[in-house]
Amino acid sequence: MGLAKTEIFTDTQNEIALFAKAFGHPARVAILQHLFKIDACFCGDLVKEIGLAQPTISQHLKELKYLGLIKGTVEGTSVCYCVNTEKWKEMRELMQNFLSQDILPKEDCC
């Protein structure tokens, strides 16, 4: 299996790819939607809401936290998660810039 060779790409290209990965699984999309809806959540609540096993939810939370899109605080034996609004705004601006690139009209080249 080959290496990803991420070092040959710009920081922006790597960052866009990592954020796109966050939306690459419907469970992570559902987790983010749920966190936006209620503004905070405990992992146990997510298990009930999403319908996946706790270890699976934890793995998805780990991915989202690694990307900085969510943050968590320990409350007793539970961790309370919420959307990291600053990182979300950064990600939204980066992705909007990428996705709003205009396709210039030209002759069919394919």
N, C-alpha and C. Protein backbone atom coordinates (compact mmCIF):
# COMPACT_ATOMS: atom_id res chain seq x y z
N MET A 1 0.85 -1.17 0.00
CA MET A 1 0.00 0.00 0.00
C MET A 1 0.90 1.23 0.00
N GLY A 2 0.59 2.23 -0.83
CA GLY A 2 1.39 3.43 -0.95
C GLY A 2 1.11 4.43 0.15
N LEU A 3 2.01 5.37 0.29
CA LEU A 3 1.86 6.44 1.26
C LEU A 3 0.94 7.52 0.70
N ALA A 4 0.34 8.29 1.56
CA ALA A 4 -0.57 9.35 1.13
C ALA A 4 0.19 10.52 0.51
N LYS A 5 1.46 10.68 0.86
CA LYS A 5 2.31 11.76 0.33
C LYS A 5 1.69 13.13 0.53
N THR A 6 1.10 13.35 1.70
CA THR A 6 0.45 14.64 1.96
C THR A 6 1.42 15.80 1.93
N GLU A 7 2.71 15.53 2.11
CA GLU A 7 3.70 16.61 2.14
C GLU A 7 3.87 17.28 0.78
N ILE A 8 3.41 16.66 -0.29
CA ILE A 8 3.55 17.29 -1.61
C ILE A 8 2.41 18.27 -1.90
N PHE A 9 1.43 18.33 -1.00
CA PHE A 9 0.30 19.23 -1.19
C PHE A 9 0.41 20.41 -0.24
N THR A 10 -0.30 21.47 -0.56
CA THR A 10 -0.26 22.66 0.29
C THR A 10 -0.99 22.40 1.60
N ASP A 11 -0.73 23.25 2.58
CA ASP A 11 -1.44 23.15 3.86
C ASP A 11 -2.94 23.28 3.64
N THR A 12 -3.33 24.19 2.76
CA THR A 12 -4.75 24.40 2.48
C THR A 12 -5.38 23.16 1.87
N GLN A 13 -4.70 22.55 0.91
CA GLN A 13 -5.23 21.33 0.29
C GLN A 13 -5.37 20.21 1.31
N ASN A 14 -4.40 20.06 2.18
CA ASN A 14 -4.49 19.04 3.22
C ASN A 14 -5.61 19.34 4.20
N GLU A 15 -5.78 20.61 4.55
CA GLU A 15 -6.83 20.98 5.49
C GLU A 15 -8.21 20.75 4.89
N ILE A 16 -8.40 21.09 3.63
CA ILE A 16 -9.68 20.84 2.95
C ILE A 16 -9.97 19.34 2.94
N ALA A 17 -8.98 18.53 2.64
CA ALA A 17 -9.16 17.08 2.60
C ALA A 17 -9.54 16.52 3.97
N LEU A 18 -8.90 17.04 5.03
CA LEU A 18 -9.24 16.56 6.37
C LEU A 18 -10.66 16.95 6.76
N PHE A 19 -11.06 18.17 6.45
CA PHE A 19 -12.43 18.57 6.76
C PHE A 19 -13.43 17.76 5.94
N ALA A 20 -13.10 17.50 4.68
CA ALA A 20 -14.00 16.69 3.85
C ALA A 20 -14.16 15.29 4.45
N LYS A 21 -13.09 14.78 5.05
CA LYS A 21 -13.15 13.47 5.70
C LYS A 21 -14.16 13.48 6.84
N ALA A 22 -14.28 14.60 7.53
CA ALA A 22 -15.25 14.70 8.63
C ALA A 22 -16.67 14.45 8.14
N PHE A 23 -16.94 14.86 6.90
CA PHE A 23 -18.28 14.69 6.34
C PHE A 23 -18.39 13.42 5.51
N GLY A 24 -17.33 12.61 5.53
CA GLY A 24 -17.29 11.38 4.74
C GLY A 24 -18.03 10.22 5.36
N HIS A 25 -18.56 10.40 6.54
CA HIS A 25 -19.33 9.32 7.17
C HIS A 25 -20.63 9.93 7.73
N PRO A 26 -21.76 9.32 7.43
CA PRO A 26 -23.04 9.89 7.88
C PRO A 26 -23.17 9.98 9.40
N ALA A 27 -22.47 9.12 10.13
CA ALA A 27 -22.54 9.19 11.60
C ALA A 27 -21.94 10.51 12.09
N ARG A 28 -20.84 10.94 11.49
CA ARG A 28 -20.22 12.20 11.91
C ARG A 28 -21.11 13.39 11.55
N VAL A 29 -21.75 13.30 10.40
CA VAL A 29 -22.70 14.35 10.01
C VAL A 29 -23.85 14.39 11.02
N ALA A 30 -24.37 13.23 11.39
CA ALA A 30 -25.48 13.17 12.35
C ALA A 30 -25.06 13.70 13.72
N ILE A 31 -23.84 13.37 14.13
CA ILE A 31 -23.34 13.87 15.42
C ILE A 31 -23.27 15.39 15.40
N LEU A 32 -22.70 15.95 14.35
CA LEU A 32 -22.61 17.41 14.25
C LEU A 32 -23.99 18.05 14.23
N GLN A 33 -24.91 17.47 13.45
CA GLN A 33 -26.27 18.02 13.41
C GLN A 33 -26.91 17.99 14.79
N HIS A 34 -26.73 16.91 15.50
CA HIS A 34 -27.32 16.79 16.84
C HIS A 34 -26.69 17.81 17.79
N LEU A 35 -25.37 17.97 17.73
CA LEU A 35 -24.71 18.94 18.61
C LEU A 35 -25.16 20.37 18.30
N PHE A 36 -25.37 20.68 17.03
CA PHE A 36 -25.88 22.01 16.68
C PHE A 36 -27.29 22.21 17.21
N LYS A 37 -28.09 21.15 17.13
CA LYS A 37 -29.49 21.23 17.55
C LYS A 37 -29.61 21.51 19.04
N ILE A 38 -28.80 20.84 19.86
CA ILE A 38 -28.97 20.99 21.30
C ILE A 38 -27.87 21.80 21.97
N ASP A 39 -26.80 22.15 21.22
CA ASP A 39 -25.71 23.01 21.68
C ASP A 39 -24.78 22.35 22.69
N ALA A 40 -25.03 21.14 23.13
CA ALA A 40 -24.13 20.37 24.00
C ALA A 40 -24.70 18.96 24.08
N CYS A 41 -23.88 18.01 24.47
CA CYS A 41 -24.37 16.64 24.51
C CYS A 41 -23.41 15.76 25.28
N PHE A 42 -23.93 14.75 25.93
CA PHE A 42 -23.10 13.73 26.54
C PHE A 42 -23.02 12.54 25.59
N CYS A 43 -21.95 11.81 25.65
CA CYS A 43 -21.76 10.67 24.74
C CYS A 43 -22.93 9.70 24.83
N GLY A 44 -23.44 9.45 26.01
CA GLY A 44 -24.58 8.54 26.17
C GLY A 44 -25.81 9.01 25.42
N ASP A 45 -26.02 10.31 25.40
CA ASP A 45 -27.15 10.86 24.64
C ASP A 45 -26.96 10.60 23.14
N LEU A 46 -25.74 10.68 22.68
CA LEU A 46 -25.47 10.46 21.26
C LEU A 46 -25.72 9.00 20.88
N VAL A 47 -25.41 8.08 21.75
CA VAL A 47 -25.66 6.66 21.47
C VAL A 47 -27.15 6.45 21.22
N LYS A 48 -27.98 7.04 22.07
CA LYS A 48 -29.43 6.91 21.91
C LYS A 48 -29.90 7.63 20.64
N GLU A 49 -29.39 8.82 20.40
CA GLU A 49 -29.82 9.64 19.27
C GLU A 49 -29.41 9.04 17.93
N ILE A 50 -28.16 8.59 17.81
CA ILE A 50 -27.62 8.12 16.54
C ILE A 50 -27.96 6.65 16.29
N GLY A 51 -27.99 5.86 17.35
CA GLY A 51 -28.35 4.45 17.20
C GLY A 51 -27.17 3.53 16.93
N LEU A 52 -25.96 4.01 17.19
CA LEU A 52 -24.78 3.17 17.02
C LEU A 52 -24.23 2.81 18.40
N ALA A 53 -23.36 1.83 18.44
CA ALA A 53 -22.75 1.40 19.70
C ALA A 53 -21.86 2.50 20.26
N GLN A 54 -21.70 2.51 21.58
CA GLN A 54 -20.91 3.54 22.25
C GLN A 54 -19.46 3.60 21.73
N PRO A 55 -18.78 2.45 21.54
CA PRO A 55 -17.41 2.54 21.01
C PRO A 55 -17.34 3.16 19.61
N THR A 56 -18.36 2.90 18.79
CA THR A 56 -18.41 3.48 17.45
C THR A 56 -18.60 4.99 17.53
N ILE A 57 -19.52 5.43 18.38
CA ILE A 57 -19.73 6.86 18.59
C ILE A 57 -18.46 7.51 19.10
N SER A 58 -17.79 6.86 20.04
CA SER A 58 -16.55 7.40 20.60
C SER A 58 -15.48 7.58 19.52
N GLN A 59 -15.40 6.64 18.60
CA GLN A 59 -14.41 6.74 17.53
C GLN A 59 -14.72 7.93 16.62
N HIS A 60 -15.99 8.13 16.30
CA HIS A 60 -16.38 9.26 15.47
C HIS A 60 -16.14 10.58 16.21
N LEU A 61 -16.43 10.61 17.51
CA LEU A 61 -16.16 11.80 18.31
C LEU A 61 -14.67 12.11 18.33
N LYS A 62 -13.86 11.06 18.41
CA LYS A 62 -12.41 11.24 18.41
C LYS A 62 -11.95 11.89 17.11
N GLU A 63 -12.49 11.45 15.98
CA GLU A 63 -12.15 12.04 14.68
C GLU A 63 -12.54 13.52 14.63
N LEU A 64 -13.75 13.83 15.07
CA LEU A 64 -14.23 15.21 15.04
C LEU A 64 -13.43 16.09 15.98
N LYS A 65 -13.05 15.53 17.12
CA LYS A 65 -12.25 16.29 18.08
C LYS A 65 -10.84 16.51 17.54
N TYR A 66 -10.27 15.51 16.89
CA TYR A 66 -8.94 15.63 16.29
C TYR A 66 -8.91 16.77 15.28
N LEU A 67 -9.98 16.91 14.51
CA LEU A 67 -10.06 17.98 13.52
C LEU A 67 -10.38 19.34 14.16
N GLY A 68 -10.75 19.32 15.44
CA GLY A 68 -11.05 20.55 16.14
C GLY A 68 -12.47 21.04 15.95
N LEU A 69 -13.31 20.26 15.26
CA LEU A 69 -14.68 20.70 15.01
C LEU A 69 -15.56 20.62 16.25
N ILE A 70 -15.18 19.75 17.19
CA ILE A 70 -15.90 19.68 18.46
C ILE A 70 -14.88 19.77 19.59
N LYS A 71 -15.39 20.09 20.77
CA LYS A 71 -14.55 20.07 21.96
C LYS A 71 -15.34 19.40 23.07
N GLY A 72 -14.62 18.91 24.05
CA GLY A 72 -15.28 18.19 25.13
C GLY A 72 -14.72 18.58 26.47
N THR A 73 -15.60 18.56 27.46
CA THR A 73 -15.19 18.81 28.84
C THR A 73 -15.64 17.65 29.71
N VAL A 74 -14.79 17.28 30.65
CA VAL A 74 -15.09 16.16 31.54
C VAL A 74 -16.01 16.64 32.65
N GLU A 75 -17.09 15.91 32.85
CA GLU A 75 -18.04 16.19 33.94
C GLU A 75 -18.29 14.89 34.67
N GLY A 76 -17.54 14.67 35.73
CA GLY A 76 -17.64 13.41 36.46
C GLY A 76 -17.08 12.29 35.62
N THR A 77 -17.91 11.29 35.34
CA THR A 77 -17.46 10.17 34.51
C THR A 77 -17.88 10.34 33.04
N SER A 78 -18.51 11.44 32.71
CA SER A 78 -18.97 11.69 31.35
C SER A 78 -18.18 12.83 30.73
N VAL A 79 -18.21 12.89 29.41
CA VAL A 79 -17.61 14.00 28.68
C VAL A 79 -18.73 14.70 27.93
N CYS A 80 -18.80 16.00 28.12
CA CYS A 80 -19.81 16.81 27.44
C CYS A 80 -19.18 17.40 26.19
N TYR A 81 -19.79 17.15 25.04
CA TYR A 81 -19.27 17.63 23.76
C TYR A 81 -20.12 18.77 23.23
N CYS A 82 -19.45 19.70 22.53
CA CYS A 82 -20.15 20.76 21.83
C CYS A 82 -19.35 21.14 20.59
N VAL A 83 -19.98 21.87 19.69
CA VAL A 83 -19.31 22.33 18.48
C VAL A 83 -18.31 23.42 18.86
N ASN A 84 -17.10 23.33 18.32
CA ASN A 84 -16.09 24.37 18.51
C ASN A 84 -16.40 25.45 17.49
N THR A 85 -17.08 26.50 17.91
CA THR A 85 -17.60 27.50 16.97
C THR A 85 -16.50 28.22 16.20
N GLU A 86 -15.37 28.48 16.83
CA GLU A 86 -14.29 29.17 16.12
C GLU A 86 -13.73 28.31 14.98
N LYS A 87 -13.48 27.05 15.28
CA LYS A 87 -12.96 26.14 14.25
C LYS A 87 -14.01 25.90 13.17
N TRP A 88 -15.27 25.83 13.57
CA TRP A 88 -16.35 25.64 12.60
C TRP A 88 -16.38 26.81 11.63
N LYS A 89 -16.23 28.03 12.12
CA LYS A 89 -16.22 29.21 11.25
C LYS A 89 -15.03 29.18 10.30
N GLU A 90 -13.86 28.77 10.80
CA GLU A 90 -12.67 28.66 9.95
C GLU A 90 -12.90 27.63 8.85
N MET A 91 -13.44 26.47 9.24
CA MET A 91 -13.69 25.41 8.27
C MET A 91 -14.72 25.85 7.24
N ARG A 92 -15.77 26.51 7.68
CA ARG A 92 -16.82 26.96 6.76
C ARG A 92 -16.26 27.94 5.74
N GLU A 93 -15.43 28.88 6.18
CA GLU A 93 -14.84 29.85 5.25
C GLU A 93 -13.92 29.16 4.25
N LEU A 94 -13.09 28.25 4.73
CA LEU A 94 -12.18 27.52 3.86
C LEU A 94 -12.94 26.72 2.82
N MET A 95 -13.97 26.00 3.26
CA MET A 95 -14.75 25.17 2.34
C MET A 95 -15.58 26.01 1.39
N GLN A 96 -16.13 27.14 1.87
CA GLN A 96 -16.89 28.01 0.98
C GLN A 96 -16.00 28.57 -0.12
N ASN A 97 -14.78 28.98 0.24
CA ASN A 97 -13.86 29.48 -0.77
C ASN A 97 -13.55 28.41 -1.81
N PHE A 98 -13.34 27.19 -1.35
CA PHE A 98 -13.04 26.09 -2.25
C PHE A 98 -14.23 25.76 -3.14
N LEU A 99 -15.42 25.65 -2.54
CA LEU A 99 -16.61 25.23 -3.28
C LEU A 99 -17.22 26.33 -4.15
N SER A 100 -16.86 27.58 -3.90
CA SER A 100 -17.45 28.66 -4.69
C SER A 100 -16.58 29.06 -5.89
N GLN A 101 -15.58 28.25 -6.19
CA GLN A 101 -14.77 28.53 -7.38
C GLN A 101 -15.66 28.45 -8.61
N ASP A 102 -15.52 29.43 -9.48
CA ASP A 102 -16.34 29.45 -10.69
C ASP A 102 -15.76 28.53 -11.75
N ILE A 103 -16.64 27.87 -12.44
CA ILE A 103 -16.26 27.08 -13.59
C ILE A 103 -16.43 27.99 -14.79
N LEU A 104 -15.32 28.30 -15.42
CA LEU A 104 -15.37 29.20 -16.56
C LEU A 104 -15.94 28.48 -17.77
N PRO A 105 -16.88 29.13 -18.47
CA PRO A 105 -17.44 28.47 -19.66
C PRO A 105 -16.38 28.35 -20.75
N LYS A 106 -16.22 27.17 -21.23
CA LYS A 106 -15.31 26.92 -22.35
C LYS A 106 -15.84 25.76 -23.16
N GLU A 107 -15.21 25.55 -24.26
CA GLU A 107 -15.66 24.46 -25.12
C GLU A 107 -15.51 23.14 -24.37
N ASP A 108 -16.38 22.23 -24.71
CA ASP A 108 -16.32 20.91 -24.09
C ASP A 108 -14.95 20.30 -24.36
N CYS A 109 -14.19 20.05 -23.31
CA CYS A 109 -12.83 19.55 -23.49
C CYS A 109 -12.69 18.08 -23.14
N CYS A 110 -13.77 17.46 -22.77
CA CYS A 110 -13.67 16.04 -22.37
C CYS A 110 -14.27 15.13 -23.41
